């Protein structure tokens, strides 16, 4: 895979972290995102990747996240939505 830019959400969970790690191993530059908290801080340190905290259930948080990434890192070419949760 040629180097590309990526955004991976839900990076604290096993699937999101594994995908981010694999993309990084393949040479992609990326930003990872999850809910704010200690688990995000620990995961970001382990992956050594730029990290943004956001609650993606909030529409304004999503638009703020996209604007921040575009401004600081350019538009991502790859989007991995691994964020999930319990509804209801």
C-alpha atoms as a PDB file:
ATOM      1  CA  UNK A   1       0.000   0.000   0.000  1.00  0.00           C
ATOM      2  CA  UNK A   2       1.363   3.418  -0.878  1.00  0.00           C
ATOM      3  CA  UNK A   3       1.460   5.921   1.987  1.00  0.00           C
ATOM      4  CA  UNK A   4      -1.899   7.584   2.491  1.00  0.00           C
ATOM      5  CA  UNK A   5      -3.556   9.659   5.176  1.00  0.00           C
ATOM      6  CA  UNK A   6      -6.216   8.116   7.400  1.00  0.00           C
ATOM      7  CA  UNK A   7      -8.670   8.819  10.190  1.00  0.00           C
ATOM      8  CA  UNK A   8      -9.482   5.886  12.479  1.00  0.00           C
ATOM      9  CA  UNK A   9     -12.308   6.331  14.988  1.00  0.00           C
ATOM     10  CA  UNK A  10     -12.890   4.003  17.923  1.00  0.00           C
ATOM     11  CA  UNK A  11      -9.178   3.489  18.380  1.00  0.00           C
ATOM     12  CA  UNK A  12      -9.466   2.451  22.044  1.00  0.00           C
ATOM     13  CA  UNK A  13     -11.304  -0.748  21.115  1.00  0.00           C
ATOM     14  CA  UNK A  14      -9.450  -3.771  19.838  1.00  0.00           C
ATOM     15  CA  UNK A  15     -10.535  -3.491  16.209  1.00  0.00           C
ATOM     16  CA  UNK A  16      -9.812   0.242  15.875  1.00  0.00           C
ATOM     17  CA  UNK A  17      -6.388  -0.076  17.519  1.00  0.00           C
ATOM     18  CA  UNK A  18      -5.475  -3.076  15.351  1.00  0.00           C
ATOM     19  CA  UNK A  19      -6.489  -1.284  12.153  1.00  0.00           C
ATOM     20  CA  UNK A  20      -4.593   1.877  13.140  1.00  0.00           C
ATOM     21  CA  UNK A  21      -1.509  -0.183  13.965  1.00  0.00           C
ATOM     22  CA  UNK A  22      -1.668  -2.017  10.628  1.00  0.00           C
ATOM     23  CA  UNK A  23      -2.164   1.186   8.640  1.00  0.00           C
ATOM     24  CA  UNK A  24       0.806   2.744  10.443  1.00  0.00           C
ATOM     25  CA  UNK A  25       2.911  -0.347   9.685  1.00  0.00           C
ATOM     26  CA  UNK A  26       1.932   0.038   6.021  1.00  0.00           C
ATOM     27  CA  UNK A  27       3.179   3.630   6.027  1.00  0.00           C
ATOM     28  CA  UNK A  28      -0.071   5.582   6.321  1.00  0.00           C
ATOM     29  CA  UNK A  29      -0.039   8.843   8.210  1.00  0.00           C
ATOM     30  CA  UNK A  30      -3.071   9.191  10.407  1.00  0.00           C
ATOM     31  CA  UNK A  31      -5.038  10.754  13.168  1.00  0.00           C
ATOM     32  CA  UNK A  32      -6.932   8.541  15.600  1.00  0.00           C
ATOM     33  CA  UNK A  33     -10.032   9.456  17.566  1.00  0.00           C
ATOM     34  CA  UNK A  34     -12.095   8.185  20.482  1.00  0.00           C
ATOM     35  CA  UNK A  35     -13.915   9.448  23.541  1.00  0.00           C
ATOM     36  CA  UNK A  36     -11.812  11.577  25.905  1.00  0.00           C
ATOM     37  CA  UNK A  37     -10.263   9.766  28.843  1.00  0.00           C
ATOM     38  CA  UNK A  38      -7.391   7.748  30.218  1.00  0.00           C
ATOM     39  CA  UNK A  39      -7.861   4.868  27.781  1.00  0.00           C
ATOM     40  CA  UNK A  40      -7.447   7.220  24.818  1.00  0.00           C
ATOM     41  CA  UNK A  41      -4.324   8.739  26.345  1.00  0.00           C
ATOM     42  CA  UNK A  42      -2.827   5.279  26.938  1.00  0.00           C
ATOM     43  CA  UNK A  43      -3.731   4.040  23.462  1.00  0.00           C
ATOM     44  CA  UNK A  44      -2.324   7.147  21.801  1.00  0.00           C
ATOM     45  CA  UNK A  45       0.945   6.743  23.684  1.00  0.00           C
ATOM     46  CA  UNK A  46       1.174   3.076  22.690  1.00  0.00           C
ATOM     47  CA  UNK A  47       0.473   3.834  19.012  1.00  0.00           C
ATOM     48  CA  UNK A  48       2.532   7.058  18.953  1.00  0.00           C
ATOM     49  CA  UNK A  49      -0.026   8.749  16.705  1.00  0.00           C
ATOM     50  CA  UNK A  50      -1.757  12.130  16.737  1.00  0.00           C
ATOM     51  CA  UNK A  51      -4.983  11.760  18.677  1.00  0.00           C
ATOM     52  CA  UNK A  52      -8.167  13.772  18.947  1.00  0.00           C
ATOM     53  CA  UNK A  53     -10.877  13.222  21.518  1.00  0.00           C
ATOM     54  CA  UNK A  54     -14.477  13.536  20.390  1.00  0.00           C
ATOM     55  CA  UNK A  55     -17.909  12.157  21.219  1.00  0.00           C
ATOM     56  CA  UNK A  56     -19.089  11.175  17.747  1.00  0.00           C
ATOM     57  CA  UNK A  57     -22.699  10.941  18.901  1.00  0.00           C
ATOM     58  CA  UNK A  58     -22.702  14.760  18.930  1.00  0.00           C
ATOM     59  CA  UNK A  59     -23.104  16.290  15.436  1.00  0.00           C
ATOM     60  CA  UNK A  60     -21.113  19.398  16.357  1.00  0.00           C
ATOM     61  CA  UNK A  61     -18.260  17.211  17.623  1.00  0.00           C
ATOM     62  CA  UNK A  62     -18.122  15.443  14.254  1.00  0.00           C
ATOM     63  CA  UNK A  63     -17.976  18.683  12.273  1.00  0.00           C
ATOM     64  CA  UNK A  64     -15.375  20.118  14.673  1.00  0.00           C
ATOM     65  CA  UNK A  65     -13.275  16.940  14.330  1.00  0.00           C
ATOM     66  CA  UNK A  66     -13.365  17.033  10.536  1.00  0.00           C
ATOM     67  CA  UNK A  67     -12.501  20.748  10.457  1.00  0.00           C
ATOM     68  CA  UNK A  68      -9.601  20.253  12.876  1.00  0.00           C
ATOM     69  CA  UNK A  69      -8.136  17.362  10.914  1.00  0.00           C
ATOM     70  CA  UNK A  70      -8.486  19.153   7.569  1.00  0.00           C
ATOM     71  CA  UNK A  71      -6.842  22.264   9.004  1.00  0.00           C
ATOM     72  CA  UNK A  72      -3.963  20.532  10.789  1.00  0.00           C
ATOM     73  CA  UNK A  73      -3.336  17.376   8.737  1.00  0.00           C
ATOM     74  CA  UNK A  74      -5.155  17.673   5.408  1.00  0.00           C
ATOM     75  CA  UNK A  75      -8.158  15.659   4.304  1.00  0.00           C
ATOM     76  CA  UNK A  76      -7.825  11.939   5.055  1.00  0.00           C
ATOM     77  CA  UNK A  77      -7.943   9.549   2.094  1.00  0.00           C
ATOM     78  CA  UNK A  78      -8.954   6.599   4.284  1.00  0.00           C
ATOM     79  CA  UNK A  79     -11.745   6.636   6.872  1.00  0.00           C
ATOM     80  CA  UNK A  80     -12.199   3.753   9.300  1.00  0.00           C
ATOM     81  CA  UNK A  81     -15.296   4.066  11.489  1.00  0.00           C
ATOM     82  CA  UNK A  82     -14.615   1.589  14.297  1.00  0.00           C
ATOM     83  CA  UNK A  83     -16.443   3.688  16.897  1.00  0.00           C
ATOM     84  CA  UNK A  84     -19.452   1.949  18.346  1.00  0.00           C
ATOM     85  CA  UNK A  85     -21.639   1.816  21.369  1.00  0.00           C
ATOM     86  CA  UNK A  86     -24.906   0.747  22.895  1.00  0.00           C
ATOM     87  CA  UNK A  87     -28.033   2.469  21.626  1.00  0.00           C
ATOM     88  CA  UNK A  88     -31.241   2.883  23.531  1.00  0.00           C
END
